[in-house]
Amino acid sequence: MINAPADNGQDWKTVRTKARAKILQSLSKALQTDIEPCIAVEEFADPLTIQERTGSDKGALYGASSNSIFSAFLRHPNHLKQIQNLFFTGGSVHPGGGIPLCLASASIVENEILEMYGK
């Protein structure tokens, strides 16, 4: 799994082809064997397919771009006070993308729910 930027008109077929070749080369070198013949199932999800399947803007995995020092402040909150019992968790909300931060996001929501309902 590799990260990819949001879709801004890139030629994703070419990007996928080059990335795949580089990944296979790197893994084959690390494992000291050609791993391509060992692949039984292979799937990809580039920003175009992510947008199609999930509705994520431009196929971005983690919501708004996080390329500035202010990005953390622009992330969606984990809870909307205007709509009772509506919570958000994942890479596009506070604190941000990546598995550790997504798990932290889930923990924040868990704590908010426990705090709200006294459990």
PDB file of N, CA and C in Angstrom:
ATOM      1  N   MET A   1       0.851  -1.172   0.000  1.00  0.00           N
ATOM      2  CA  MET A   1       0.000   0.000   0.000  1.00  0.00           C
ATOM      3  C   MET A   1       0.897   1.235   0.000  1.00  0.00           C
ATOM      4  N   ILE A   2       0.608   2.146  -0.908  1.00  0.00           N
ATOM      5  CA  ILE A   2       1.368   3.393  -0.963  1.00  0.00           C
ATOM      6  C   ILE A   2       0.389   4.558  -0.963  1.00  0.00           C
ATOM      7  N   ASN A   3       0.835   5.677  -0.472  1.00  0.00           N
ATOM      8  CA  ASN A   3       0.007   6.873  -0.499  1.00  0.00           C
ATOM      9  C   ASN A   3       0.063   7.508  -1.879  1.00  0.00           C
ATOM     10  N   ALA A   4      -1.024   8.140  -2.249  1.00  0.00           N
ATOM     11  CA  ALA A   4      -1.097   8.856  -3.518  1.00  0.00           C
ATOM     12  C   ALA A   4      -1.784  10.188  -3.262  1.00  0.00           C
ATOM     13  N   PRO A   5      -1.405  11.206  -4.005  1.00  0.00           N
ATOM     14  CA  PRO A   5      -2.068  12.494  -3.830  1.00  0.00           C
ATOM     15  C   PRO A   5      -3.484  12.447  -4.394  1.00  0.00           C
ATOM     16  N   ALA A   6      -4.268  13.445  -4.077  1.00  0.00           N
ATOM     17  CA  ALA A   6      -5.611  13.564  -4.653  1.00  0.00           C
ATOM     18  C   ALA A   6      -5.486  13.730  -6.165  1.00  0.00           C
ATOM     19  N   ASP A   7      -6.545  13.432  -6.877  1.00  0.00           N
ATOM     20  CA  ASP A   7      -6.552  13.543  -8.331  1.00  0.00           C
ATOM     21  C   ASP A   7      -6.571  15.004  -8.766  1.00  0.00           C
ATOM     22  N   ASN A   8      -5.539  15.366  -9.499  1.00  0.00           N
ATOM     23  CA  ASN A   8      -5.471  16.692 -10.110  1.00  0.00           C
ATOM     24  C   ASN A   8      -5.180  16.550 -11.593  1.00  0.00           C
ATOM     25  N   GLY A   9      -5.759  15.486 -12.190  1.00  0.00           N
ATOM     26  CA  GLY A   9      -5.597  15.259 -13.617  1.00  0.00           C
ATOM     27  C   GLY A   9      -4.401  14.410 -14.000  1.00  0.00           C
ATOM     28  N   GLN A  10      -3.791  13.738 -13.037  1.00  0.00           N
ATOM     29  CA  GLN A  10      -2.656  12.877 -13.330  1.00  0.00           C
ATOM     30  C   GLN A  10      -3.088  11.725 -14.240  1.00  0.00           C
ATOM     31  N   ASP A  11      -2.114  11.161 -14.963  1.00  0.00           N
ATOM     32  CA  ASP A  11      -2.348   9.971 -15.783  1.00  0.00           C
ATOM     33  C   ASP A  11      -2.181   8.760 -14.864  1.00  0.00           C
ATOM     34  N   TRP A  12      -3.296   8.340 -14.236  1.00  0.00           N
ATOM     35  CA  TRP A  12      -3.219   7.314 -13.193  1.00  0.00           C
ATOM     36  C   TRP A  12      -2.800   5.952 -13.718  1.00  0.00           C
ATOM     37  N   LYS A  13      -3.106   5.655 -14.958  1.00  0.00           N
ATOM     38  CA  LYS A  13      -2.669   4.363 -15.508  1.00  0.00           C
ATOM     39  C   LYS A  13      -1.138   4.313 -15.546  1.00  0.00           C
ATOM     40  N   THR A  14      -0.508   5.395 -15.976  1.00  0.00           N
ATOM     41  CA  THR A  14       0.959   5.459 -16.012  1.00  0.00           C
ATOM     42  C   THR A  14       1.534   5.471 -14.602  1.00  0.00           C
ATOM     43  N   VAL A  15       0.935   6.250 -13.700  1.00  0.00           N
ATOM     44  CA  VAL A  15       1.409   6.315 -12.314  1.00  0.00           C
ATOM     45  C   VAL A  15       1.336   4.929 -11.677  1.00  0.00           C
ATOM     46  N   ARG A  16       0.204   4.233 -11.869  1.00  0.00           N
ATOM     47  CA  ARG A  16       0.044   2.884 -11.303  1.00  0.00           C
ATOM     48  C   ARG A  16       1.087   1.924 -11.852  1.00  0.00           C
ATOM     49  N   THR A  17       1.300   1.955 -13.167  1.00  0.00           N
ATOM     50  CA  THR A  17       2.250   1.052 -13.812  1.00  0.00           C
ATOM     51  C   THR A  17       3.657   1.260 -13.265  1.00  0.00           C
ATOM     52  N   LYS A  18       4.078   2.520 -13.177  1.00  0.00           N
ATOM     53  CA  LYS A  18       5.424   2.825 -12.659  1.00  0.00           C
ATOM     54  C   LYS A  18       5.544   2.459 -11.181  1.00  0.00           C
ATOM     55  N   ALA A  19       4.537   2.782 -10.395  1.00  0.00           N
ATOM     56  CA  ALA A  19       4.579   2.479  -8.960  1.00  0.00           C
ATOM     57  C   ALA A  19       4.626   0.970  -8.741  1.00  0.00           C
ATOM     58  N   ARG A  20       3.816   0.233  -9.492  1.00  0.00           N
ATOM     59  CA  ARG A  20       3.790  -1.221  -9.352  1.00  0.00           C
ATOM     60  C   ARG A  20       5.164  -1.820  -9.641  1.00  0.00           C
ATOM     61  N   ALA A  21       5.776  -1.386 -10.741  1.00  0.00           N
ATOM     62  CA  ALA A  21       7.093  -1.906 -11.116  1.00  0.00           C
ATOM     63  C   ALA A  21       8.128  -1.606 -10.031  1.00  0.00           C
ATOM     64  N   LYS A  22       8.088  -0.402  -9.505  1.00  0.00           N
ATOM     65  CA  LYS A  22       9.052  -0.017  -8.464  1.00  0.00           C
ATOM     66  C   LYS A  22       8.836  -0.810  -7.180  1.00  0.00           C
ATOM     67  N   ILE A  23       7.585  -1.019  -6.814  1.00  0.00           N
ATOM     68  CA  ILE A  23       7.267  -1.783  -5.603  1.00  0.00           C
ATOM     69  C   ILE A  23       7.697  -3.237  -5.757  1.00  0.00           C
ATOM     70  N   LEU A  24       7.375  -3.844  -6.900  1.00  0.00           N
ATOM     71  CA  LEU A  24       7.779  -5.240  -7.130  1.00  0.00           C
ATOM     72  C   LEU A  24       9.300  -5.379  -7.117  1.00  0.00           C
ATOM     73  N   GLN A  25       9.974  -4.419  -7.711  1.00  0.00           N
ATOM     74  CA  GLN A  25      11.441  -4.456  -7.725  1.00  0.00           C
ATOM     75  C   GLN A  25      11.993  -4.353  -6.300  1.00  0.00           C
ATOM     76  N   SER A  26      11.454  -3.456  -5.529  1.00  0.00           N
ATOM     77  CA  SER A  26      11.921  -3.253  -4.159  1.00  0.00           C
ATOM     78  C   SER A  26      11.653  -4.486  -3.294  1.00  0.00           C
ATOM     79  N   LEU A  27      10.443  -5.032  -3.382  1.00  0.00           N
ATOM     80  CA  LEU A  27      10.103  -6.219  -2.593  1.00  0.00           C
ATOM     81  C   LEU A  27      10.912  -7.431  -3.030  1.00  0.00           C
ATOM     82  N   SER A  28      11.088  -7.604  -4.328  1.00  0.00           N
ATOM     83  CA  SER A  28      11.867  -8.735  -4.838  1.00  0.00           C
ATOM     84  C   SER A  28      13.309  -8.649  -4.366  1.00  0.00           C
ATOM     85  N   LYS A  29      13.851  -7.439  -4.355  1.00  0.00           N
ATOM     86  CA  LYS A  29      15.227  -7.246  -3.883  1.00  0.00           C
ATOM     87  C   LYS A  29      15.323  -7.566  -2.384  1.00  0.00           C
ATOM     88  N   ALA A  30      14.369  -7.060  -1.609  1.00  0.00           N
ATOM     89  CA  ALA A  30      14.392  -7.292  -0.160  1.00  0.00           C
ATOM     90  C   ALA A  30      14.218  -8.762   0.180  1.00  0.00           C
ATOM     91  N   LEU A  31      13.394  -9.469  -0.590  1.00  0.00           N
ATOM     92  CA  LEU A  31      13.118 -10.879  -0.325  1.00  0.00           C
ATOM     93  C   LEU A  31      14.045 -11.818  -1.091  1.00  0.00           C
ATOM     94  N   GLN A  32      14.873 -11.258  -1.938  1.00  0.00           N
ATOM     95  CA  GLN A  32      15.838 -12.003  -2.746  1.00  0.00           C
ATOM     96  C   GLN A  32      15.182 -13.068  -3.620  1.00  0.00           C
ATOM     97  N   THR A  33      14.011 -12.714  -4.160  1.00  0.00           N
ATOM     98  CA  THR A  33      13.327 -13.604  -5.101  1.00  0.00           C
ATOM     99  C   THR A  33      12.336 -12.775  -5.908  1.00  0.00           C
ATOM    100  N   ASP A  34      12.033 -13.237  -7.104  1.00  0.00           N
ATOM    101  CA  ASP A  34      11.045 -12.545  -7.936  1.00  0.00           C
ATOM    102  C   ASP A  34       9.658 -12.869  -7.392  1.00  0.00           C
ATOM    103  N   ILE A  35       8.989 -11.879  -6.822  1.00  0.00           N
ATOM    104  CA  ILE A  35       7.691 -12.149  -6.187  1.00  0.00           C
ATOM    105  C   ILE A  35       6.513 -12.064  -7.158  1.00  0.00           C
ATOM    106  N   GLU A  36       6.708 -11.489  -8.334  1.00  0.00           N
ATOM    107  CA  GLU A  36       5.567 -11.317  -9.247  1.00  0.00           C
ATOM    108  C   GLU A  36       4.845 -12.623  -9.569  1.00  0.00           C
ATOM    109  N   PRO A  37       5.543 -13.730  -9.835  1.00  0.00           N
ATOM    110  CA  PRO A  37       4.825 -14.986 -10.107  1.00  0.00           C
ATOM    111  C   PRO A  37       4.030 -15.512  -8.913  1.00  0.00           C
ATOM    112  N   CYS A  38       4.337 -15.025  -7.729  1.00  0.00           N
ATOM    113  CA  CYS A  38       3.658 -15.485  -6.512  1.00  0.00           C
ATOM    114  C   CYS A  38       2.352 -14.746  -6.235  1.00  0.00           C
ATOM    115  N   ILE A  39       2.077 -13.698  -6.989  1.00  0.00           N
ATOM    116  CA  ILE A  39       0.878 -12.898  -6.748  1.00  0.00           C
ATOM    117  C   ILE A  39      -0.350 -13.666  -7.222  1.00  0.00           C
ATOM    118  N   ALA A  40      -1.254 -13.965  -6.293  1.00  0.00           N
ATOM    119  CA  ALA A  40      -2.483 -14.695  -6.622  1.00  0.00           C
ATOM    120  C   ALA A  40      -3.640 -13.732  -6.862  1.00  0.00           C
ATOM    121  N   VAL A  41      -3.701 -12.662  -6.102  1.00  0.00           N
ATOM    122  CA  VAL A  41      -4.765 -11.669  -6.222  1.00  0.00           C
ATOM    123  C   VAL A  41      -4.125 -10.294  -6.116  1.00  0.00           C
ATOM    124  N   GLU A  42      -4.539  -9.421  -6.990  1.00  0.00           N
ATOM    125  CA  GLU A  42      -3.996  -8.059  -6.969  1.00  0.00           C
ATOM    126  C   GLU A  42      -5.126  -7.074  -7.244  1.00  0.00           C
ATOM    127  N   GLU A  43      -5.224  -6.056  -6.405  1.00  0.00           N
ATOM    128  CA  GLU A  43      -6.229  -5.019  -6.595  1.00  0.00           C
ATOM    129  C   GLU A  43      -5.560  -3.669  -6.433  1.00  0.00           C
ATOM    130  N   PHE A  44      -6.147  -2.665  -7.011  1.00  0.00           N
ATOM    131  CA  PHE A  44      -5.635  -1.321  -6.816  1.00  0.00           C
ATOM    132  C   PHE A  44      -6.803  -0.379  -6.581  1.00  0.00           C
ATOM    133  N   ALA A  45      -6.501   0.702  -5.924  1.00  0.00           N
ATOM    134  CA  ALA A  45      -7.480   1.773  -5.741  1.00  0.00           C
ATOM    135  C   ALA A  45      -6.716   3.080  -5.877  1.00  0.00           C
ATOM    136  N   ASP A  46      -6.805   3.679  -7.049  1.00  0.00           N
ATOM    137  CA  ASP A  46      -6.188   4.985  -7.231  1.00  0.00           C
ATOM    138  C   ASP A  46      -7.225   6.053  -6.884  1.00  0.00           C
ATOM    139  N   PRO A  47      -6.851   7.319  -6.868  1.00  0.00           N
ATOM    140  CA  PRO A  47      -7.811   8.353  -6.504  1.00  0.00           C
ATOM    141  C   PRO A  47      -9.098   8.351  -7.339  1.00  0.00           C
ATOM    142  N   LEU A  48      -9.019   7.949  -8.592  1.00  0.00           N
ATOM    143  CA  LEU A  48     -10.232   7.903  -9.415  1.00  0.00           C
ATOM    144  C   LEU A  48     -11.205   6.845  -8.911  1.00  0.00           C
ATOM    145  N   THR A  49     -10.693   5.656  -8.586  1.00  0.00           N
ATOM    146  CA  THR A  49     -11.587   4.601  -8.094  1.00  0.00           C
ATOM    147  C   THR A  49     -12.038   4.897  -6.666  1.00  0.00           C
ATOM    148  N   ILE A  50     -11.179   5.532  -5.865  1.00  0.00           N
ATOM    149  CA  ILE A  50     -11.580   5.895  -4.498  1.00  0.00           C
ATOM    150  C   ILE A  50     -12.728   6.900  -4.547  1.00  0.00           C
ATOM    151  N   GLN A  51     -12.615   7.896  -5.427  1.00  0.00           N
ATOM    152  CA  GLN A  51     -13.694   8.873  -5.549  1.00  0.00           C
ATOM    153  C   GLN A  51     -14.981   8.195  -6.026  1.00  0.00           C
ATOM    154  N   GLU A  52     -14.863   7.313  -6.997  1.00  0.00           N
ATOM    155  CA  GLU A  52     -16.031   6.612  -7.534  1.00  0.00           C
ATOM    156  C   GLU A  52     -16.706   5.740  -6.476  1.00  0.00           C
ATOM    157  N   ARG A  53     -15.909   5.020  -5.689  1.00  0.00           N
ATOM    158  CA  ARG A  53     -16.455   4.081  -4.698  1.00  0.00           C
ATOM    159  C   ARG A  53     -16.942   4.743  -3.413  1.00  0.00           C
ATOM    160  N   THR A  54     -16.275   5.838  -3.016  1.00  0.00           N
ATOM    161  CA  THR A  54     -16.580   6.424  -1.709  1.00  0.00           C
ATOM    162  C   THR A  54     -17.134   7.839  -1.745  1.00  0.00           C
ATOM    163  N   GLY A  55     -16.984   8.517  -2.874  1.00  0.00           N
ATOM    164  CA  GLY A  55     -17.425   9.904  -2.964  1.00  0.00           C
ATOM    165  C   GLY A  55     -16.427  10.877  -2.369  1.00  0.00           C
ATOM    166  N   SER A  56     -15.241  10.404  -1.990  1.00  0.00           N
ATOM    167  CA  SER A  56     -14.206  11.275  -1.433  1.00  0.00           C
ATOM    168  C   SER A  56     -13.779  12.288  -2.496  1.00  0.00           C
ATOM    169  N   ASP A  57     -13.737  13.563  -2.132  1.00  0.00           N
ATOM    170  CA  ASP A  57     -13.385  14.620  -3.064  1.00  0.00           C
ATOM    171  C   ASP A  57     -12.024  14.363  -3.699  1.00  0.00           C
ATOM    172  N   LYS A  58     -12.000  14.257  -5.018  1.00  0.00           N
ATOM    173  CA  LYS A  58     -10.789  14.000  -5.806  1.00  0.00           C
ATOM    174  C   LYS A  58     -10.087  12.706  -5.398  1.00  0.00           C
ATOM    175  N   GLY A  59     -10.804  11.813  -4.714  1.00  0.00           N
ATOM    176  CA  GLY A  59     -10.237  10.530  -4.325  1.00  0.00           C
ATOM    177  C   GLY A  59      -9.213  10.619  -3.216  1.00  0.00           C
ATOM    178  N   ALA A  60      -9.260  11.701  -2.445  1.00  0.00           N
ATOM    179  CA  ALA A  60      -8.296  11.892  -1.365  1.00  0.00           C
ATOM    180  C   ALA A  60      -8.609  10.941  -0.208  1.00  0.00           C
ATOM    181  N   LEU A  61      -7.611  10.199   0.233  1.00  0.00           N
ATOM    182  CA  LEU A  61      -7.801   9.257   1.342  1.00  0.00           C
ATOM    183  C   LEU A  61      -8.037   9.962   2.664  1.00  0.00           C
ATOM    184  N   TYR A  62      -7.359  11.084   2.858  1.00  0.00           N
ATOM    185  CA  TYR A  62      -7.365  11.729   4.162  1.00  0.00           C
ATOM    186  C   TYR A  62      -8.054  13.084   4.151  1.00  0.00           C
ATOM    187  N   GLY A  63      -8.988  13.291   3.244  1.00  0.00           N
ATOM    188  CA  GLY A  63      -9.699  14.561   3.210  1.00  0.00           C
ATOM    189  C   GLY A  63      -8.830  15.669   2.665  1.00  0.00           C
ATOM    190  N   ALA A  64      -8.970  16.856   3.251  1.00  0.00           N
ATOM    191  CA  ALA A  64      -8.236  18.027   2.773  1.00  0.00           C
ATOM    192  C   ALA A  64      -6.732  17.797   2.864  1.00  0.00           C
ATOM    193  N   SER A  65      -6.010  18.390   1.940  1.00  0.00           N
ATOM    194  CA  SER A  65      -4.563  18.282   1.914  1.00  0.00           C
ATOM    195  C   SER A  65      -3.964  18.748   3.232  1.00  0.00           C
ATOM    196  N   SER A  66      -2.880  18.099   3.636  1.00  0.00           N
ATOM    197  CA  SER A  66      -2.235  18.476   4.896  1.00  0.00           C
ATOM    198  C   SER A  66      -0.835  19.005   4.637  1.00  0.00           C
ATOM    199  N   ASN A  67      -0.729  19.915   3.697  1.00  0.00           N
ATOM    200  CA  ASN A  67       0.579  20.421   3.306  1.00  0.00           C
ATOM    201  C   ASN A  67       0.948  21.762   3.931  1.00  0.00           C
ATOM    202  N   SER A  68       0.189  22.235   4.876  1.00  0.00           N
ATOM    203  CA  SER A  68       0.549  23.486   5.521  1.00  0.00           C
ATOM    204  C   SER A  68       0.476  23.327   7.042  1.00  0.00           C
ATOM    205  N   ILE A  69       1.077  24.283   7.747  1.00  0.00           N
ATOM    206  CA  ILE A  69       1.084  24.198   9.211  1.00  0.00           C
ATOM    207  C   ILE A  69      -0.297  24.425   9.805  1.00  0.00           C
ATOM    208  N   PHE A  70      -1.238  24.937   9.009  1.00  0.00           N
ATOM    209  CA  PHE A  70      -2.587  25.207   9.492  1.00  0.00           C
ATOM    210  C   PHE A  70      -3.561  24.062   9.205  1.00  0.00           C
ATOM    211  N   SER A  71      -3.098  23.038   8.509  1.00  0.00           N
ATOM    212  CA  SER A  71      -3.974  21.941   8.080  1.00  0.00           C
ATOM    213  C   SER A  71      -4.713  21.274   9.223  1.00  0.00           C
ATOM    214  N   ALA A  72      -4.034  21.059  10.331  1.00  0.00           N
ATOM    215  CA  ALA A  72      -4.663  20.384  11.476  1.00  0.00           C
ATOM    216  C   ALA A  72      -5.884  21.153  11.970  1.00  0.00           C
ATOM    217  N   PHE A  73      -5.843  22.469  11.839  1.00  0.00           N
ATOM    218  CA  PHE A  73      -6.953  23.294  12.312  1.00  0.00           C
ATOM    219  C   PHE A  73      -8.123  23.299  11.337  1.00  0.00           C
ATOM    220  N   LEU A  74      -7.897  22.811  10.112  1.00  0.00           N
ATOM    221  CA  LEU A  74      -8.940  22.793   9.091  1.00  0.00           C
ATOM    222  C   LEU A  74      -9.672  21.456   9.023  1.00  0.00           C
ATOM    223  N   ARG A  75      -9.231  20.482   9.793  1.00  0.00           N
ATOM    224  CA  ARG A  75      -9.881  19.168   9.777  1.00  0.00           C
ATOM    225  C   ARG A  75     -11.262  19.261  10.412  1.00  0.00           C
ATOM    226  N   HIS A  76     -12.137  18.379   9.953  1.00  0.00           N
ATOM    227  CA  HIS A  76     -13.489  18.339  10.501  1.00  0.00           C
ATOM    228  C   HIS A  76     -13.449  17.905  11.963  1.00  0.00           C
ATOM    229  N   PRO A  77     -14.391  18.394  12.770  1.00  0.00           N
ATOM    230  CA  PRO A  77     -14.447  17.950  14.168  1.00  0.00           C
ATOM    231  C   PRO A  77     -14.948  16.505  14.240  1.00  0.00           C
ATOM    232  N   ASN A  78     -14.752  15.880  15.362  1.00  0.00           N
ATOM    233  CA  ASN A  78     -15.215  14.502  15.546  1.00  0.00           C
ATOM    234  C   ASN A  78     -16.689  14.422  15.899  1.00  0.00           C
ATOM    235  N   HIS A  79     -17.276  15.550  16.280  1.00  0.00           N
ATOM    236  CA  HIS A  79     -18.671  15.546  16.718  1.00  0.00           C
ATOM    237  C   HIS A  79     -19.309  16.872  16.336  1.00  0.00           C
ATOM    238  N   LEU A  80     -20.498  16.817  15.760  1.00  0.00           N
ATOM    239  CA  LEU A  80     -21.245  18.032  15.464  1.00  0.00           C
ATOM    240  C   LEU A  80     -22.278  18.242  16.550  1.00  0.00           C
ATOM    241  N   LYS A  81     -22.174  19.339  17.234  1.00  0.00           N
ATOM    242  CA  LYS A  81     -23.120  19.625  18.316  1.00  0.00           C
ATOM    243  C   LYS A  81     -24.523  19.931  17.775  1.00  0.00           C
ATOM    244  N   GLN A  82     -24.598  20.374  16.507  1.00  0.00           N
ATOM    245  CA  GLN A  82     -25.890  20.714  15.910  1.00  0.00           C
ATOM    246  C   GLN A  82     -26.758  19.482  15.626  1.00  0.00           C
ATOM    247  N   ILE A  83     -26.128  18.335  15.477  1.00  0.00           N
ATOM    248  CA  ILE A  83     -26.873  17.105  15.171  1.00  0.00           C
ATOM    249  C   ILE A  83     -26.542  16.073  16.242  1.00  0.00           C
ATOM    250  N   GLN A  84     -27.515  15.796  17.079  1.00  0.00           N
ATOM    251  CA  GLN A  84     -27.310  14.886  18.200  1.00  0.00           C
ATOM    252  C   GLN A  84     -26.900  13.501  17.712  1.00  0.00           C
ATOM    253  N   ASN A  85     -25.903  12.931  18.381  1.00  0.00           N
ATOM    254  CA  ASN A  85     -25.422  11.566  18.134  1.00  0.00           C
ATOM    255  C   ASN A  85     -24.791  11.363  16.757  1.00  0.00           C
ATOM    256  N   LEU A  86     -24.293  12.434  16.140  1.00  0.00           N
ATOM    257  CA  LEU A  86     -23.564  12.297  14.875  1.00  0.00           C
ATOM    258  C   LEU A  86     -22.083  12.495  15.162  1.00  0.00           C
ATOM    259  N   PHE A  87     -21.301  11.446  14.938  1.00  0.00           N
ATOM    260  CA  PHE A  87     -19.874  11.466  15.209  1.00  0.00           C
ATOM    261  C   PHE A  87     -19.117  11.099  13.941  1.00  0.00           C
ATOM    262  N   PHE A  88     -17.887  11.570  13.846  1.00  0.00           N
ATOM    263  CA  PHE A  88     -17.026  11.275  12.703  1.00  0.00           C
ATOM    264  C   PHE A  88     -15.706  10.717  13.204  1.00  0.00           C
ATOM    265  N   THR A  89     -15.195   9.749  12.493  1.00  0.00           N
ATOM    266  CA  THR A  89     -13.887   9.202  12.815  1.00  0.00           C
ATOM    267  C   THR A  89     -13.211   8.800  11.510  1.00  0.00           C
ATOM    268  N   GLY A  90     -11.905   8.842  11.492  1.00  0.00           N
ATOM    269  CA  GLY A  90     -11.174   8.453  10.296  1.00  0.00           C
ATOM    270  C   GLY A  90     -10.108   9.450   9.906  1.00  0.00           C
ATOM    271  N   GLY A  91      -9.568   9.261   8.725  1.00  0.00           N
ATOM    272  CA  GLY A  91      -8.442  10.053   8.265  1.00  0.00           C
ATOM    273  C   GLY A  91      -8.751  11.475   7.883  1.00  0.00           C
ATOM    274  N   SER A  92     -10.020  11.794   7.623  1.00  0.00           N
ATOM    275  CA  SER A  92     -10.337  13.149   7.187  1.00  0.00           C
ATOM    276  C   SER A  92     -10.807  14.054   8.325  1.00  0.00           C
ATOM    277  N   VAL A  93     -10.847  13.513   9.547  1.00  0.00           N
ATOM    278  CA  VAL A  93     -11.246  14.308  10.707  1.00  0.00           C
ATOM    279  C   VAL A  93     -10.077  14.388  11.691  1.00  0.00           C
ATOM    280  N   HIS A  94     -10.276  15.098  12.778  1.00  0.00           N
ATOM    281  CA  HIS A  94      -9.229  15.267  13.780  1.00  0.00           C
ATOM    282  C   HIS A  94      -8.825  13.920  14.373  1.00  0.00           C
ATOM    283  N   PRO A  95      -7.579  13.542  14.509  1.00  0.00           N
ATOM    284  CA  PRO A  95      -6.389  14.341  14.281  1.00  0.00           C
ATOM    285  C   PRO A  95      -5.783  14.220  12.890  1.00  0.00           C
ATOM    286  N   GLY A  96      -6.229  13.267  12.039  1.00  0.00           N
ATOM    287  CA  GLY A  96      -5.706  13.219  10.674  1.00  0.00           C
ATOM    288  C   GLY A  96      -5.527  11.817  10.144  1.00  0.00           C
ATOM    289  N   GLY A  97      -4.783  11.713   9.047  1.00  0.00           N
ATOM    290  CA  GLY A  97      -4.646  10.463   8.310  1.00  0.00           C
ATOM    291  C   GLY A  97      -3.559   9.547   8.824  1.00  0.00           C
ATOM    292  N   GLY A  98      -3.600   8.319   8.354  1.00  0.00           N
ATOM    293  CA  GLY A  98      -2.667   7.278   8.773  1.00  0.00           C
ATOM    294  C   GLY A  98      -3.331   6.409   9.823  1.00  0.00           C
ATOM    295  N   ILE A  99      -2.973   5.159   9.853  1.00  0.00           N
ATOM    296  CA  ILE A  99      -3.631   4.216  10.759  1.00  0.00           C
ATOM    297  C   ILE A  99      -3.536   4.648  12.226  1.00  0.00           C
ATOM    298  N   PRO A 100      -2.363   5.047  12.741  1.00  0.00           N
ATOM    299  CA  PRO A 100      -2.326   5.463  14.151  1.00  0.00           C
ATOM    300  C   PRO A 100      -3.251   6.646  14.440  1.00  0.00           C
ATOM    301  N   LEU A 101      -3.293   7.624  13.540  1.00  0.00           N
ATOM    302  CA  LEU A 101      -4.148   8.783  13.765  1.00  0.00           C
ATOM    303  C   LEU A 101      -5.619   8.441  13.588  1.00  0.00           C
ATOM    304  N   CYS A 102      -5.938   7.516  12.687  1.00  0.00           N
ATOM    305  CA  CYS A 102      -7.335   7.069  12.550  1.00  0.00           C
ATOM    306  C   CYS A 102      -7.796   6.365  13.819  1.00  0.00           C
ATOM    307  N   LEU A 103      -6.921   5.568  14.402  1.00  0.00           N
ATOM    308  CA  LEU A 103      -7.256   4.905  15.666  1.00  0.00           C
ATOM    309  C   LEU A 103      -7.389   5.927  16.788  1.00  0.00           C
ATOM    310  N   ALA A 104      -6.548   6.955  16.769  1.00  0.00           N
ATOM    311  CA  ALA A 104      -6.670   8.036  17.762  1.00  0.00           C
ATOM    312  C   ALA A 104      -8.006   8.751  17.577  1.00  0.00           C
ATOM    313  N   SER A 105      -8.415   8.931  16.330  1.00  0.00           N
ATOM    314  CA  SER A 105      -9.705   9.558  16.035  1.00  0.00           C
ATOM    315  C   SER A 105     -10.847   8.728  16.612  1.00  0.00           C
ATOM    316  N   ALA A 106     -10.770   7.426  16.447  1.00  0.00           N
ATOM    317  CA  ALA A 106     -11.805   6.536  16.994  1.00  0.00           C
ATOM    318  C   ALA A 106     -11.817   6.604  18.520  1.00  0.00           C
ATOM    319  N   SER A 107     -10.645   6.706  19.120  1.00  0.00           N
ATOM    320  CA  SER A 107     -10.558   6.807  20.572  1.00  0.00           C
ATOM    321  C   SER A 107     -11.171   8.114  21.072  1.00  0.00           C
ATOM    322  N   ILE A 108     -10.946   9.194  20.338  1.00  0.00           N
ATOM    323  CA  ILE A 108     -11.537  10.486  20.699  1.00  0.00           C
ATOM    324  C   ILE A 108     -13.058  10.380  20.677  1.00  0.00           C
ATOM    325  N   VAL A 109     -13.597   9.778  19.622  1.00  0.00           N
ATOM    326  CA  VAL A 109     -15.057   9.617  19.509  1.00  0.00           C
ATOM    327  C   VAL A 109     -15.579   8.727  20.628  1.00  0.00           C
ATOM    328  N   GLU A 110     -14.867   7.647  20.909  1.00  0.00           N
ATOM    329  CA  GLU A 110     -15.282   6.768  22.006  1.00  0.00           C
ATOM    330  C   GLU A 110     -15.372   7.552  23.316  1.00  0.00           C
ATOM    331  N   ASN A 111     -14.350   8.347  23.606  1.00  0.00           N
ATOM    332  CA  ASN A 111     -14.342   9.134  24.839  1.00  0.00           C
ATOM    333  C   ASN A 111     -15.459  10.175  24.861  1.00  0.00           C
ATOM    334  N   GLU A 112     -15.754  10.792  23.715  1.00  0.00           N
ATOM    335  CA  GLU A 112     -16.846  11.764  23.655  1.00  0.00           C
ATOM    336  C   GLU A 112     -18.183  11.095  23.943  1.00  0.00           C
ATOM    337  N   ILE A 113     -18.387   9.914  23.374  1.00  0.00           N
ATOM    338  CA  ILE A 113     -19.651   9.190  23.595  1.00  0.00           C
ATOM    339  C   ILE A 113     -19.777   8.787  25.061  1.00  0.00           C
ATOM    340  N   LEU A 114     -18.694   8.249  25.626  1.00  0.00           N
ATOM    341  CA  LEU A 114     -18.725   7.849  27.037  1.00  0.00           C
ATOM    342  C   LEU A 114     -18.981   9.053  27.944  1.00  0.00           C
ATOM    343  N   GLU A 115     -18.380  10.176  27.600  1.00  0.00           N
ATOM    344  CA  GLU A 115     -18.572  11.391  28.387  1.00  0.00           C
ATOM    345  C   GLU A 115     -20.013  11.901  28.286  1.00  0.00           C
ATOM    346  N   MET A 116     -20.581  11.836  27.068  1.00  0.00           N
ATOM    347  CA  MET A 116     -21.942  12.313  26.854  1.00  0.00           C
ATOM    348  C   MET A 116     -22.971  11.472  27.593  1.00  0.00           C
ATOM    349  N   TYR A 117     -22.729  10.164  27.614  1.00  0.00           N
ATOM    350  CA  TYR A 117     -23.718   9.251  28.172  1.00  0.00           C
ATOM    351  C   TYR A 117     -23.313   8.675  29.516  1.00  0.00           C
ATOM    352  N   GLY A 118     -22.214   9.176  30.075  1.00  0.00           N
ATOM    353  CA  GLY A 118     -21.805   8.787  31.421  1.00  0.00           C
ATOM    354  C   GLY A 118     -21.535   7.322  31.613  1.00  0.00           C
ATOM    355  N   LYS A 119     -20.961   6.691  30.633  1.00  0.00           N
ATOM    356  CA  LYS A 119     -20.669   5.262  30.743  1.00  0.00           C
ATOM    357  C   LYS A 119     -19.180   5.039  30.759  1.00  0.00           C
TER     358      LYS A 119
END
